[in-house]
Structure formats: C-alpha cells, structure tokens
Amino acid sequence: MFDNPLLKFRLVNYLLSVFILFAVLLLARNIVSISFSKKDVRPPVSKDNALINTNKNDLMQYSTILEKNPFGRPMKLNPIEVKQEAEKSVGALSNLILIGTVTGPESVSFAIFEDKSQPNVQEIFGYGQRVFNFGVLTKITMTSVDIVQDSQTFTLTFPSEEAVTETNTRSASPPPEVPQTSFAKKVGEQDYILDSRRVQKSLENPEQIMTDARLLPNFVDGKQAGFKVSEVIPDGLYGSLGIKNGDVLLRINGLEISNPEVAIQAMSALKGMNRVSLDLVRNGKNMSMNYQIR
C-alpha cells in the first residue's frame, strides 16, 4: 500500500493540511476570545473619583499597623485636614466715599464710589454689585446708598461740604444769559445753575447725549486722555453747559472719562447730583466748569 512514493507524498500532504487547519482554528479562537475579553474590561477609575469616594476614617484604620511597624521604625498617621481659604477681608466703610448717584429703574441706576485706600480710584456700581471689598449695593437714592456688609445694612451719604459762596452778580458787565430755551443759566465765567426739571427731561432720552455733540477719543503721546468734543448744537445739552467745539472732556466730579460708556454714564449722572464739576482742556489750558442743580 505504501510502496508507491506518490501515495506516500499525498498522505504526508493530507496530514500537513490537517495540522495547518487545526492551527488556524486555534488562532481564530484566540483572536475571538481576546476581542470579547477587551469589551468586558472596565475603564480605570480616575484618581479624583477615588479620592472623592475615600473616607478619611478608613485611612485611620491603618494607623495601628504603622505605629507597630514590623518592617522598620514606628510611624504615625495623622488625618488629612483640608485648609479652607480665608474669606476675603471686608473693608472699613470709613474708607468708602460716595461721589455721585443716578436714580431710576434698577437697570439704569448706579452709584460712583472712591476708595480712600486706593487713591484716585473711582468706579461705577449698580444694584446687586459688590462695591470694592466693602459689601453689596442694595439701594440707591439721590442723596444716599445702602450697602449690606456681614448681614448688616449701612447707609452711606455724600460727604459734608462747606457752604457754597454765592457768586457776586453785581459786576459792571454781567455775563450774558443763555436763551430761555436752555436749562442752564450762566452766573459766572465758569459757573452755571441748572434747572433740575429740565435736566431730568433732557436726560430721559439717552440718544440726546449722543446726538447733541460728537465725542471722539483724544490721544496724547499714544495714550487716551479724555474725549474731544465737536459738532456741538448750540441749544443742545452740551451747548447749554458751556461746552464748545474743540474742548477735551477729562473728568466729571473727579471721575476719569476713559471710555464712551463712562462718558454717557457721567453725563447721565447730572440728574442724580446737586453739584457737578467738569474738568476739561480748552485751547491748551486746563479749566473747570462748575454746575449747581436746583
């Protein structure tokens, strides 16, 4: 039967084929088992989650083992204490100065403050905002504001001022008065008296502040220094206040006019103040315009 060489060769081929087929089946089985085993592997738990779920009391159970350390020097396990950041210190209200207020609906009401501990720093705050580190602003009136500090409400008013000296209008050549249509009356070279009712009426429409004159940023040595006024309407808001074309508005009641929003808010503040001081540059010279609102 096996004398024929060809028959022997075929038999060997059959045996090799069987072994190869068996090896392929084993390999396929291993591949399938590996692929299924990967699907059952759970993702590793992050360290943060592990720390959150770890109870500090469980760690203290190992303190006895460390104190009786059989592998070396005795050790002691202390509980981990999380240090909480100290709350931000609350400033003394004696360092807070009320500069001005604008009253109306909460969305358009705000107050201007100065912090004595930060010289020349003035900021505008609205309802519900934290005034520097002194407390939360909860009420705004024409003459005062309420600030809540440590669950207590404090009322802050304008700082007392010296009596205003009446301007002598008996000069030989009194300055001409502005037309009756204006809400401002000129009583001195740089002094005006404003009709509070007309001021209120003129500022009810914020667009008037934008259209009665044109304000453009003024730059000195590459830095902004106030706003330059142009296209002033004579009987408009700016013209009635004695502001002329070419004037550079710097500060209102000491508040730096650094951007258009502050400029508009500062002009709107006229209806919430009894006295306003406007610092400006005219023809290269610094000067101040003073207004009393009655």
Protein backbone atom coordinates (compact mmCIF):
# COMPACT_ATOMS: atom_id res chain seq x y z
CA MET A 1 0.00 0.00 0.00
CA PHE A 2 2.80 2.44 0.91
CA ASP A 3 5.20 1.17 -1.76
CA ASN A 4 4.03 3.82 -4.15
CA PRO A 5 6.05 7.01 -3.49
CA LEU A 6 3.25 9.20 -4.86
CA LEU A 7 0.81 7.72 -2.40
CA LYS A 8 3.19 8.43 0.49
CA PHE A 9 3.58 12.03 -0.65
CA ARG A 10 -0.18 12.55 -0.77
CA LEU A 11 -0.57 11.06 2.70
CA VAL A 12 2.01 13.47 4.10
CA ASN A 13 0.22 16.38 2.41
CA TYR A 14 -3.08 15.32 3.95
CA LEU A 15 -1.54 15.18 7.41
CA LEU A 16 0.07 18.58 7.00
CA SER A 17 -3.23 20.03 5.81
CA VAL A 18 -4.98 18.68 8.89
CA PHE A 19 -2.34 20.19 11.20
CA ILE A 20 -2.50 23.57 9.41
CA LEU A 21 -6.29 23.61 9.60
CA PHE A 22 -6.14 22.77 13.30
CA ALA A 23 -3.61 25.58 13.91
CA VAL A 24 -5.77 28.09 12.03
CA LEU A 25 -8.80 27.15 14.13
CA LEU A 26 -6.81 27.61 17.36
CA LEU A 27 -5.56 31.00 16.17
CA ALA A 28 -9.09 32.13 15.25
CA ARG A 29 -10.38 31.03 18.64
CA ASN A 30 -7.69 33.03 20.45
CA ILE A 31 -8.43 36.15 18.39
CA VAL A 32 -12.15 35.94 19.10
CA SER A 33 -11.62 35.36 22.82
CA ILE A 34 -9.24 38.33 23.07
CA SER A 35 -11.68 40.66 21.30
CA PHE A 36 -14.52 39.69 23.63
CA SER A 37 -12.36 39.98 26.72
CA LYS A 38 -11.49 43.62 25.83
CA LYS A 39 -15.16 44.54 25.77
CA ASP A 40 -15.56 43.37 29.36
CA VAL A 41 -12.68 45.47 30.67
CA ARG A 42 -13.98 48.34 32.76
CA PRO A 43 -12.38 51.75 32.33
CA PRO A 44 -9.97 52.71 35.09
CA VAL A 45 -11.32 54.88 37.82
CA SER A 46 -9.69 58.32 37.90
CA LYS A 47 -7.68 59.35 40.91
CA ASP A 48 -10.00 62.26 41.56
CA ASN A 49 -13.04 59.97 41.82
CA ALA A 50 -11.13 57.57 44.02
CA LEU A 51 -10.16 60.38 46.34
CA ILE A 52 -13.73 61.63 46.48
CA ASN A 53 -15.06 58.19 47.44
CA THR A 54 -12.36 57.54 50.02
CA ASN A 55 -13.38 58.13 53.57
CA LYS A 56 -10.67 59.64 55.71
CA ASN A 57 -11.83 57.45 58.64
CA ASP A 58 -10.95 54.33 56.60
CA LEU A 59 -7.36 55.53 56.28
CA MET A 60 -7.07 55.92 60.03
CA GLN A 61 -7.70 52.16 60.40
CA TYR A 62 -4.11 51.64 59.25
CA SER A 63 -2.66 53.85 61.98
CA THR A 64 -2.17 50.83 64.29
CA ILE A 65 -0.14 48.99 61.65
CA LEU A 66 2.15 51.99 61.17
CA GLU A 67 2.60 52.54 64.89
CA LYS A 68 3.63 48.86 65.28
CA ASN A 69 5.60 48.84 62.05
CA PRO A 70 7.22 45.35 61.78
CA PHE A 71 9.35 46.47 58.85
CA GLY A 72 11.14 49.42 60.42
CA ARG A 73 10.83 52.43 62.68
CA PRO A 74 7.36 53.13 64.19
CA MET A 75 5.40 55.78 62.31
CA LYS A 76 2.29 57.84 63.00
CA LEU A 77 -0.61 58.51 60.63
CA ASN A 78 -2.28 61.89 61.01
CA PRO A 79 -5.67 62.66 59.43
CA ILE A 80 -5.58 64.92 56.40
CA GLU A 81 -7.13 68.29 57.10
CA VAL A 82 -8.25 70.44 54.20
CA LYS A 83 -7.37 74.05 54.79
CA GLN A 84 -10.08 76.40 53.65
CA GLU A 85 -9.07 79.69 52.15
CA ALA A 86 -9.72 82.56 54.45
CA GLU A 87 -12.58 84.71 53.38
CA LYS A 88 -11.67 87.97 51.77
CA SER A 89 -11.35 90.64 54.40
CA VAL A 90 -14.11 93.22 54.48
CA GLY A 91 -13.01 96.83 54.23
CA ALA A 92 -13.99 99.53 56.70
CA LEU A 93 -16.81 101.72 55.38
CA SER A 94 -14.97 104.78 56.65
CA ASN A 95 -12.64 104.36 53.65
CA LEU A 96 -15.54 104.47 51.16
CA ILE A 97 -16.63 107.80 49.68
CA LEU A 98 -19.88 108.31 47.77
CA ILE A 99 -19.14 110.53 44.76
CA GLY A 100 -22.47 110.55 42.94
CA THR A 101 -25.67 108.66 42.19
CA VAL A 102 -28.12 108.23 39.32
CA THR A 103 -31.59 107.07 40.34
CA GLY A 104 -34.37 105.45 38.34
CA PRO A 105 -35.21 101.86 37.38
CA GLU A 106 -32.71 99.39 38.82
CA SER A 107 -31.33 98.57 35.37
CA VAL A 108 -30.22 102.19 34.79
CA SER A 109 -29.40 103.23 38.36
CA PHE A 110 -25.83 103.32 39.60
CA ALA A 111 -23.51 104.99 42.09
CA ILE A 112 -19.95 106.26 41.87
CA PHE A 113 -17.56 105.43 44.72
CA GLU A 114 -13.98 106.19 45.69
CA ASP A 115 -11.82 104.01 47.93
CA LYS A 116 -9.51 106.01 50.22
CA SER A 117 -7.11 103.08 50.40
CA GLN A 118 -6.69 103.29 46.61
CA PRO A 119 -6.02 106.96 45.81
CA ASN A 120 -7.55 108.32 42.60
CA VAL A 121 -9.51 105.09 42.02
CA GLN A 122 -13.20 105.65 41.26
CA GLU A 123 -15.63 103.08 39.88
CA ILE A 124 -19.31 102.81 38.95
CA PHE A 125 -21.51 100.13 40.55
CA GLY A 126 -25.13 99.07 40.02
CA TYR A 127 -27.73 97.23 42.08
CA GLY A 128 -26.53 93.91 43.48
CA GLN A 129 -22.87 94.54 42.66
CA ARG A 130 -20.09 94.30 45.24
CA VAL A 131 -18.56 97.72 45.93
CA PHE A 132 -14.82 97.05 46.01
CA ASN A 133 -14.48 94.86 49.16
CA PHE A 134 -16.95 96.80 51.31
CA GLY A 135 -20.23 94.99 50.64
CA VAL A 136 -23.15 94.66 48.23
CA LEU A 137 -25.01 97.71 46.91
CA THR A 138 -28.74 97.20 47.64
CA LYS A 139 -30.32 100.67 47.46
CA ILE A 140 -29.62 103.89 45.55
CA THR A 141 -31.27 107.27 46.20
CA MET A 142 -30.42 110.81 45.12
CA THR A 143 -28.60 111.50 48.40
CA SER A 144 -27.53 108.13 49.81
CA VAL A 145 -26.95 104.43 49.19
CA ASP A 146 -27.37 101.25 51.25
CA ILE A 147 -24.60 98.66 51.46
CA VAL A 148 -25.01 95.23 53.07
CA GLN A 149 -21.91 94.09 54.95
CA ASP A 150 -21.89 90.93 57.09
CA SER A 151 -25.72 90.72 57.02
CA GLN A 152 -25.97 94.31 58.28
CA THR A 153 -27.22 97.26 56.23
CA PHE A 154 -25.29 100.53 56.32
CA THR A 155 -26.39 103.83 54.79
CA LEU A 156 -23.72 105.95 53.11
CA THR A 157 -24.36 109.61 52.25
CA PHE A 158 -22.42 112.24 50.40
CA PRO A 159 -19.51 113.75 52.36
CA SER A 160 -20.34 117.06 54.02
CA GLU A 161 -19.21 120.08 52.08
CA GLU A 162 -18.61 123.67 53.01
CA ALA A 163 -21.35 126.15 52.22
CA VAL A 164 -21.23 127.38 48.67
CA THR A 165 -20.29 131.01 48.38
CA GLU A 166 -22.82 132.92 46.34
CA THR A 167 -21.32 134.35 43.20
CA ASN A 168 -21.47 138.12 43.07
CA THR A 169 -23.54 139.03 40.05
CA ARG A 170 -23.30 142.80 40.55
CA SER A 171 -20.36 143.23 38.21
CA ALA A 172 -20.40 146.19 35.86
CA SER A 173 -20.75 143.96 32.82
CA PRO A 174 -22.71 140.83 33.84
CA PRO A 175 -22.22 137.84 31.56
CA PRO A 176 -25.00 137.30 29.06
CA GLU A 177 -27.56 134.69 29.97
CA VAL A 178 -28.31 131.74 27.74
CA PRO A 179 -31.64 131.70 25.87
CA GLN A 180 -34.82 130.79 27.72
CA THR A 181 -34.98 127.51 25.82
CA SER A 182 -31.86 126.28 27.68
CA PHE A 183 -31.99 124.61 31.06
CA ALA A 184 -28.71 126.28 32.17
CA LYS A 185 -28.18 129.81 33.46
CA LYS A 186 -24.68 131.26 33.39
CA VAL A 187 -23.88 133.09 36.64
CA GLY A 188 -20.11 133.36 36.31
CA GLU A 189 -17.25 132.87 33.91
CA GLN A 190 -17.24 129.13 34.57
CA ASP A 191 -20.30 128.75 36.82
CA TYR A 192 -23.80 127.65 35.82
CA ILE A 193 -27.10 126.97 37.56
CA LEU A 194 -29.12 124.12 36.04
CA ASP A 195 -32.88 123.64 36.23
CA SER A 196 -33.27 120.16 37.72
CA ARG A 197 -36.62 119.60 35.99
CA ARG A 198 -35.23 120.45 32.57
CA VAL A 199 -32.12 118.37 33.22
CA GLN A 200 -34.34 115.42 34.10
CA LYS A 201 -36.43 115.90 30.96
CA SER A 202 -33.41 116.28 28.68
CA LEU A 203 -31.74 113.14 30.02
CA GLU A 204 -34.83 110.93 29.80
CA ASN A 205 -33.78 110.25 26.21
CA PRO A 206 -30.19 108.86 26.24
CA GLU A 207 -29.94 109.43 22.49
CA GLN A 208 -29.80 113.16 23.14
CA ILE A 209 -26.43 112.71 24.82
CA MET A 210 -25.17 111.05 21.66
CA THR A 211 -26.68 113.49 19.13
CA ASP A 212 -26.19 116.92 20.74
CA ALA A 213 -22.44 116.68 20.09
CA ARG A 214 -19.82 114.32 18.76
CA LEU A 215 -17.29 112.77 21.15
CA LEU A 216 -14.06 111.33 19.80
CA PRO A 217 -11.20 109.80 21.83
CA ASN A 218 -8.36 112.23 22.45
CA PHE A 219 -4.84 110.77 22.45
CA VAL A 220 -1.71 112.29 23.97
CA ASP A 221 1.63 110.52 23.41
CA GLY A 222 -0.23 107.40 22.28
CA LYS A 223 -2.46 107.27 25.38
CA GLN A 224 -6.12 108.22 25.59
CA ALA A 225 -6.76 111.39 27.57
CA GLY A 226 -10.48 112.12 27.62
CA PHE A 227 -12.78 112.87 24.69
CA LYS A 228 -12.67 115.75 22.22
CA VAL A 229 -15.99 117.49 21.54
CA SER A 230 -17.09 118.63 18.08
CA GLU A 231 -20.29 119.44 16.20
CA VAL A 232 -21.85 120.98 19.32
CA ILE A 233 -25.51 122.00 18.89
CA PRO A 234 -25.77 125.50 20.48
CA ASP A 235 -29.14 124.92 22.17
CA GLY A 236 -28.43 121.26 22.93
CA LEU A 237 -27.21 119.61 26.12
CA TYR A 238 -23.51 120.33 25.66
CA GLY A 239 -24.01 123.86 24.32
CA SER A 240 -26.21 124.76 27.29
CA LEU A 241 -23.46 123.57 29.63
CA GLY A 242 -20.99 125.99 28.05
CA ILE A 243 -19.04 123.27 26.24
CA LYS A 244 -17.52 124.42 22.96
CA ASN A 245 -16.14 122.74 19.86
CA GLY A 246 -12.56 121.62 20.46
CA ASP A 247 -12.96 121.16 24.23
CA VAL A 248 -11.44 117.97 25.65
CA LEU A 249 -13.52 116.46 28.47
CA LEU A 250 -11.26 114.89 31.13
CA ARG A 251 -13.19 114.28 34.36
CA ILE A 252 -16.68 114.68 35.81
CA ASN A 253 -16.66 115.03 39.61
CA GLY A 254 -13.16 113.58 39.59
CA LEU A 255 -14.21 110.51 37.57
CA GLU A 256 -11.87 109.88 34.65
CA ILE A 257 -13.74 109.78 31.34
CA SER A 258 -11.85 106.79 29.94
CA ASN A 259 -14.40 105.26 27.54
CA PRO A 260 -17.73 106.15 25.88
CA GLU A 261 -19.75 104.16 28.43
CA VAL A 262 -18.27 106.11 31.34
CA ALA A 263 -18.80 109.38 29.45
CA ILE A 264 -22.50 108.65 28.90
CA GLN A 265 -23.00 107.46 32.48
CA ALA A 266 -21.21 110.52 33.83
CA MET A 267 -23.38 112.87 31.77
CA SER A 268 -26.47 110.95 32.89
CA ALA A 269 -25.32 111.43 36.49
CA LEU A 270 -26.31 115.10 36.22
CA LYS A 271 -29.89 114.17 37.14
CA GLY A 272 -28.75 112.50 40.35
CA MET A 273 -26.40 115.15 41.71
CA ASN A 274 -26.76 118.60 43.28
CA ARG A 275 -23.35 119.82 42.19
CA VAL A 276 -21.18 118.82 39.26
CA SER A 277 -17.61 119.76 38.39
CA LEU A 278 -16.36 119.22 34.84
CA ASP A 279 -12.61 119.27 34.15
CA LEU A 280 -11.65 120.00 30.55
CA VAL A 281 -8.94 121.39 28.32
CA ARG A 282 -9.78 124.45 26.19
CA ASN A 283 -7.27 125.98 23.82
CA GLY A 284 -4.49 124.01 25.52
CA LYS A 285 -5.37 125.23 29.03
CA ASN A 286 -6.90 123.22 31.88
CA MET A 287 -10.09 124.62 33.38
CA SER A 288 -13.09 123.52 35.43
CA MET A 289 -16.78 124.17 34.82
CA ASN A 290 -18.98 124.22 37.92
CA TYR A 291 -22.71 123.46 37.90
CA GLN A 292 -25.34 123.73 40.62
CA ILE A 293 -28.55 121.79 40.01
CA ARG A 294 -31.64 123.35 41.57
